C-alpha atoms as a PDB file:
ATOM      1  CA  UNK A   1      47.155 -29.008 -70.119  1.00  0.00           C
ATOM      2  CA  UNK A   2      46.089 -28.008 -66.810  1.00  0.00           C
ATOM      3  CA  UNK A   3      43.318 -25.523 -68.053  1.00  0.00           C
ATOM      4  CA  UNK A   4      41.826 -28.357 -70.317  1.00  0.00           C
ATOM      5  CA  UNK A   5      41.643 -30.598 -67.189  1.00  0.00           C
ATOM      6  CA  UNK A   6      40.124 -28.629 -65.203  1.00  0.00           C
ATOM      7  CA  UNK A   7      37.508 -27.839 -67.741  1.00  0.00           C
ATOM      8  CA  UNK A   8      37.024 -31.453 -67.842  1.00  0.00           C
ATOM      9  CA  UNK A   9      37.078 -31.974 -63.995  1.00  0.00           C
ATOM     10  CA  UNK A  10      33.933 -29.093 -63.910  1.00  0.00           C
ATOM     11  CA  UNK A  11      32.032 -30.916 -66.123  1.00  0.00           C
ATOM     12  CA  UNK A  12      33.026 -34.254 -65.086  1.00  0.00           C
ATOM     13  CA  UNK A  13      31.740 -33.056 -61.336  1.00  0.00           C
ATOM     14  CA  UNK A  14      28.463 -31.757 -62.686  1.00  0.00           C
ATOM     15  CA  UNK A  15      27.867 -34.476 -64.439  1.00  0.00           C
ATOM     16  CA  UNK A  16      28.057 -36.741 -60.802  1.00  0.00           C
ATOM     17  CA  UNK A  17      25.591 -33.780 -59.316  1.00  0.00           C
ATOM     18  CA  UNK A  18      28.249 -31.648 -57.912  1.00  0.00           C
ATOM     19  CA  UNK A  19      26.183 -28.376 -58.050  1.00  0.00           C
ATOM     20  CA  UNK A  20      28.066 -25.460 -56.017  1.00  0.00           C
ATOM     21  CA  UNK A  21      27.137 -22.102 -56.413  1.00  0.00           C
ATOM     22  CA  UNK A  22      31.069 -20.725 -56.573  1.00  0.00           C
ATOM     23  CA  UNK A  23      33.586 -22.934 -57.927  1.00  0.00           C
ATOM     24  CA  UNK A  24      37.185 -21.969 -56.968  1.00  0.00           C
ATOM     25  CA  UNK A  25      39.421 -22.056 -59.681  1.00  0.00           C
ATOM     26  CA  UNK A  26      43.517 -22.430 -60.023  1.00  0.00           C
ATOM     27  CA  UNK A  27      44.906 -19.031 -61.196  1.00  0.00           C
ATOM     28  CA  UNK A  28      44.796 -19.243 -65.255  1.00  0.00           C
ATOM     29  CA  UNK A  29      47.560 -17.500 -67.634  1.00  0.00           C
ATOM     30  CA  UNK A  30      45.128 -16.328 -70.242  1.00  0.00           C
ATOM     31  CA  UNK A  31      41.745 -15.087 -70.711  1.00  0.00           C
ATOM     32  CA  UNK A  32      40.135 -17.681 -73.220  1.00  0.00           C
ATOM     33  CA  UNK A  33      41.023 -20.743 -70.500  1.00  0.00           C
ATOM     34  CA  UNK A  34      39.188 -18.530 -67.972  1.00  0.00           C
ATOM     35  CA  UNK A  35      36.114 -17.750 -70.604  1.00  0.00           C
ATOM     36  CA  UNK A  36      36.232 -21.547 -71.318  1.00  0.00           C
ATOM     37  CA  UNK A  37      36.105 -21.974 -67.409  1.00  0.00           C
ATOM     38  CA  UNK A  38      32.746 -19.734 -66.799  1.00  0.00           C
ATOM     39  CA  UNK A  39      31.342 -21.329 -69.967  1.00  0.00           C
ATOM     40  CA  UNK A  40      31.648 -24.782 -68.777  1.00  0.00           C
ATOM     41  CA  UNK A  41      30.485 -23.442 -65.091  1.00  0.00           C
ATOM     42  CA  UNK A  42      27.556 -22.176 -66.134  1.00  0.00           C
ATOM     43  CA  UNK A  43      26.672 -24.165 -69.138  1.00  0.00           C
ATOM     44  CA  UNK A  44      23.070 -25.526 -68.942  1.00  0.00           C
ATOM     45  CA  UNK A  45      21.272 -22.754 -67.713  1.00  0.00           C
ATOM     46  CA  UNK A  46      23.505 -22.956 -64.428  1.00  0.00           C
ATOM     47  CA  UNK A  47      23.435 -19.165 -64.890  1.00  0.00           C
ATOM     48  CA  UNK A  48      23.998 -17.898 -61.554  1.00  0.00           C
ATOM     49  CA  UNK A  49      27.053 -19.856 -60.753  1.00  0.00           C
ATOM     50  CA  UNK A  50      30.219 -18.063 -59.737  1.00  0.00           C
ATOM     51  CA  UNK A  51      33.874 -18.622 -60.211  1.00  0.00           C
ATOM     52  CA  UNK A  52      36.620 -17.339 -57.682  1.00  0.00           C
ATOM     53  CA  UNK A  53      40.541 -17.414 -58.527  1.00  0.00           C
ATOM     54  CA  UNK A  54      42.957 -19.258 -56.369  1.00  0.00           C
ATOM     55  CA  UNK A  55      46.530 -17.425 -55.640  1.00  0.00           C
ATOM     56  CA  UNK A  56      48.025 -21.305 -55.586  1.00  0.00           C
ATOM     57  CA  UNK A  57      50.560 -19.705 -53.164  1.00  0.00           C
ATOM     58  CA  UNK A  58      52.517 -18.317 -56.629  1.00  0.00           C
ATOM     59  CA  UNK A  59      54.672 -15.569 -56.473  1.00  0.00           C
ATOM     60  CA  UNK A  60      53.136 -11.749 -56.340  1.00  0.00           C
ATOM     61  CA  UNK A  61      53.361 -11.204 -59.929  1.00  0.00           C
ATOM     62  CA  UNK A  62      51.665 -14.540 -60.755  1.00  0.00           C
ATOM     63  CA  UNK A  63      49.030 -13.518 -58.529  1.00  0.00           C
ATOM     64  CA  UNK A  64      48.482 -10.069 -59.813  1.00  0.00           C
ATOM     65  CA  UNK A  65      48.300 -11.320 -63.423  1.00  0.00           C
ATOM     66  CA  UNK A  66      45.897 -14.054 -62.519  1.00  0.00           C
ATOM     67  CA  UNK A  67      43.535 -11.658 -60.762  1.00  0.00           C
ATOM     68  CA  UNK A  68      43.863  -9.186 -63.358  1.00  0.00           C
ATOM     69  CA  UNK A  69      42.809 -11.877 -66.184  1.00  0.00           C
ATOM     70  CA  UNK A  70      40.123 -13.689 -64.161  1.00  0.00           C
ATOM     71  CA  UNK A  71      38.740  -9.929 -63.305  1.00  0.00           C
ATOM     72  CA  UNK A  72      38.535  -9.038 -66.840  1.00  0.00           C
ATOM     73  CA  UNK A  73      35.628 -12.134 -67.334  1.00  0.00           C
ATOM     74  CA  UNK A  74      32.450 -11.842 -66.311  1.00  0.00           C
ATOM     75  CA  UNK A  75      31.840 -14.642 -63.880  1.00  0.00           C
ATOM     76  CA  UNK A  76      34.547 -14.444 -61.976  1.00  0.00           C
ATOM     77  CA  UNK A  77      33.224 -12.610 -58.601  1.00  0.00           C
ATOM     78  CA  UNK A  78      36.597 -13.038 -56.548  1.00  0.00           C
ATOM     79  CA  UNK A  79      39.348 -14.458 -55.374  1.00  0.00           C
ATOM     80  CA  UNK A  80      41.029 -16.946 -52.467  1.00  0.00           C
ATOM     81  CA  UNK A  81      44.544 -15.546 -51.764  1.00  0.00           C
ATOM     82  CA  UNK A  82      45.843 -17.347 -48.784  1.00  0.00           C
ATOM     83  CA  UNK A  83      49.079 -18.541 -48.931  1.00  0.00           C
ATOM     84  CA  UNK A  84      50.472 -15.735 -50.932  1.00  0.00           C
ATOM     85  CA  UNK A  85      49.629 -13.237 -48.558  1.00  0.00           C
ATOM     86  CA  UNK A  86      50.183 -14.772 -45.910  1.00  0.00           C
ATOM     87  CA  UNK A  87      53.171 -17.096 -45.735  1.00  0.00           C
ATOM     88  CA  UNK A  88      56.142 -14.516 -45.755  1.00  0.00           C
ATOM     89  CA  UNK A  89      54.214 -12.606 -42.593  1.00  0.00           C
ATOM     90  CA  UNK A  90      53.860 -15.768 -40.483  1.00  0.00           C
ATOM     91  CA  UNK A  91      57.326 -17.334 -41.300  1.00  0.00           C
ATOM     92  CA  UNK A  92      58.450 -13.748 -40.223  1.00  0.00           C
ATOM     93  CA  UNK A  93      56.567 -13.956 -37.068  1.00  0.00           C
ATOM     94  CA  UNK A  94      57.466 -17.112 -35.971  1.00  0.00           C
ATOM     95  CA  UNK A  95      61.188 -16.354 -36.536  1.00  0.00           C
ATOM     96  CA  UNK A  96      60.892 -13.447 -33.883  1.00  0.00           C
ATOM     97  CA  UNK A  97      61.379 -11.245 -37.459  1.00  0.00           C
ATOM     98  CA  UNK A  98      58.091  -9.104 -36.756  1.00  0.00           C
ATOM     99  CA  UNK A  99      55.943  -8.397 -34.148  1.00  0.00           C
ATOM    100  CA  UNK A 100      52.336  -9.812 -34.349  1.00  0.00           C
ATOM    101  CA  UNK A 101      50.794  -6.526 -35.272  1.00  0.00           C
ATOM    102  CA  UNK A 102      53.659  -5.989 -38.224  1.00  0.00           C
ATOM    103  CA  UNK A 103      52.550  -9.472 -39.471  1.00  0.00           C
ATOM    104  CA  UNK A 104      49.169  -8.487 -39.704  1.00  0.00           C
ATOM    105  CA  UNK A 105      49.742  -5.350 -41.331  1.00  0.00           C
ATOM    106  CA  UNK A 106      51.692  -7.155 -43.847  1.00  0.00           C
ATOM    107  CA  UNK A 107      49.005  -9.429 -44.610  1.00  0.00           C
ATOM    108  CA  UNK A 108      46.297  -6.743 -44.622  1.00  0.00           C
ATOM    109  CA  UNK A 109      48.241  -4.701 -46.981  1.00  0.00           C
ATOM    110  CA  UNK A 110      49.038  -7.939 -49.337  1.00  0.00           C
ATOM    111  CA  UNK A 111      45.043  -8.646 -49.291  1.00  0.00           C
ATOM    112  CA  UNK A 112      43.964  -5.029 -50.189  1.00  0.00           C
ATOM    113  CA  UNK A 113      46.536  -5.460 -53.041  1.00  0.00           C
ATOM    114  CA  UNK A 114      44.858  -8.031 -54.241  1.00  0.00           C
ATOM    115  CA  UNK A 115      41.354  -6.288 -53.689  1.00  0.00           C
ATOM    116  CA  UNK A 116      42.538  -3.498 -55.782  1.00  0.00           C
ATOM    117  CA  UNK A 117      43.935  -5.752 -58.444  1.00  0.00           C
ATOM    118  CA  UNK A 118      40.723  -7.323 -58.999  1.00  0.00           C
ATOM    119  CA  UNK A 119      38.570  -4.334 -58.207  1.00  0.00           C
ATOM    120  CA  UNK A 120      40.417  -2.620 -61.210  1.00  0.00           C
ATOM    121  CA  UNK A 121      40.508  -5.465 -63.753  1.00  0.00           C
ATOM    122  CA  UNK A 122      36.702  -5.351 -63.481  1.00  0.00           C
ATOM    123  CA  UNK A 123      36.346  -2.065 -64.838  1.00  0.00           C
ATOM    124  CA  UNK A 124      34.648  -1.552 -67.998  1.00  0.00           C
ATOM    125  CA  UNK A 125      33.141  -5.491 -68.095  1.00  0.00           C
ATOM    126  CA  UNK A 126      29.694  -6.202 -68.275  1.00  0.00           C
ATOM    127  CA  UNK A 127      28.545  -8.386 -65.562  1.00  0.00           C
END
């Protein structure tokens, strides 16, 4: 139901005059839903509109799946994975279980992983 509602929301926002260059889209489980999101975001000659996938604070495995799925669809141009990248490190830092440097290292490692997963998912996809 959520993917259908997301498509509907984008369509309604466009009809109300909302015209972003980039839509932030919550992670989707299958390629067909990603394709529908690109189709609605780029409808009526909005050919330069891109989409980025959000992590929704989900587990590492869910984020990896969403990134791989979105990256395989032309129109998805990137990602914004925040909480999954930094939450555990910040909590550990606040509890004095990690130094600031170690927390930053953990966050950087997570972001590097997301970047590698997304770039790998784009291989062979005509943009």
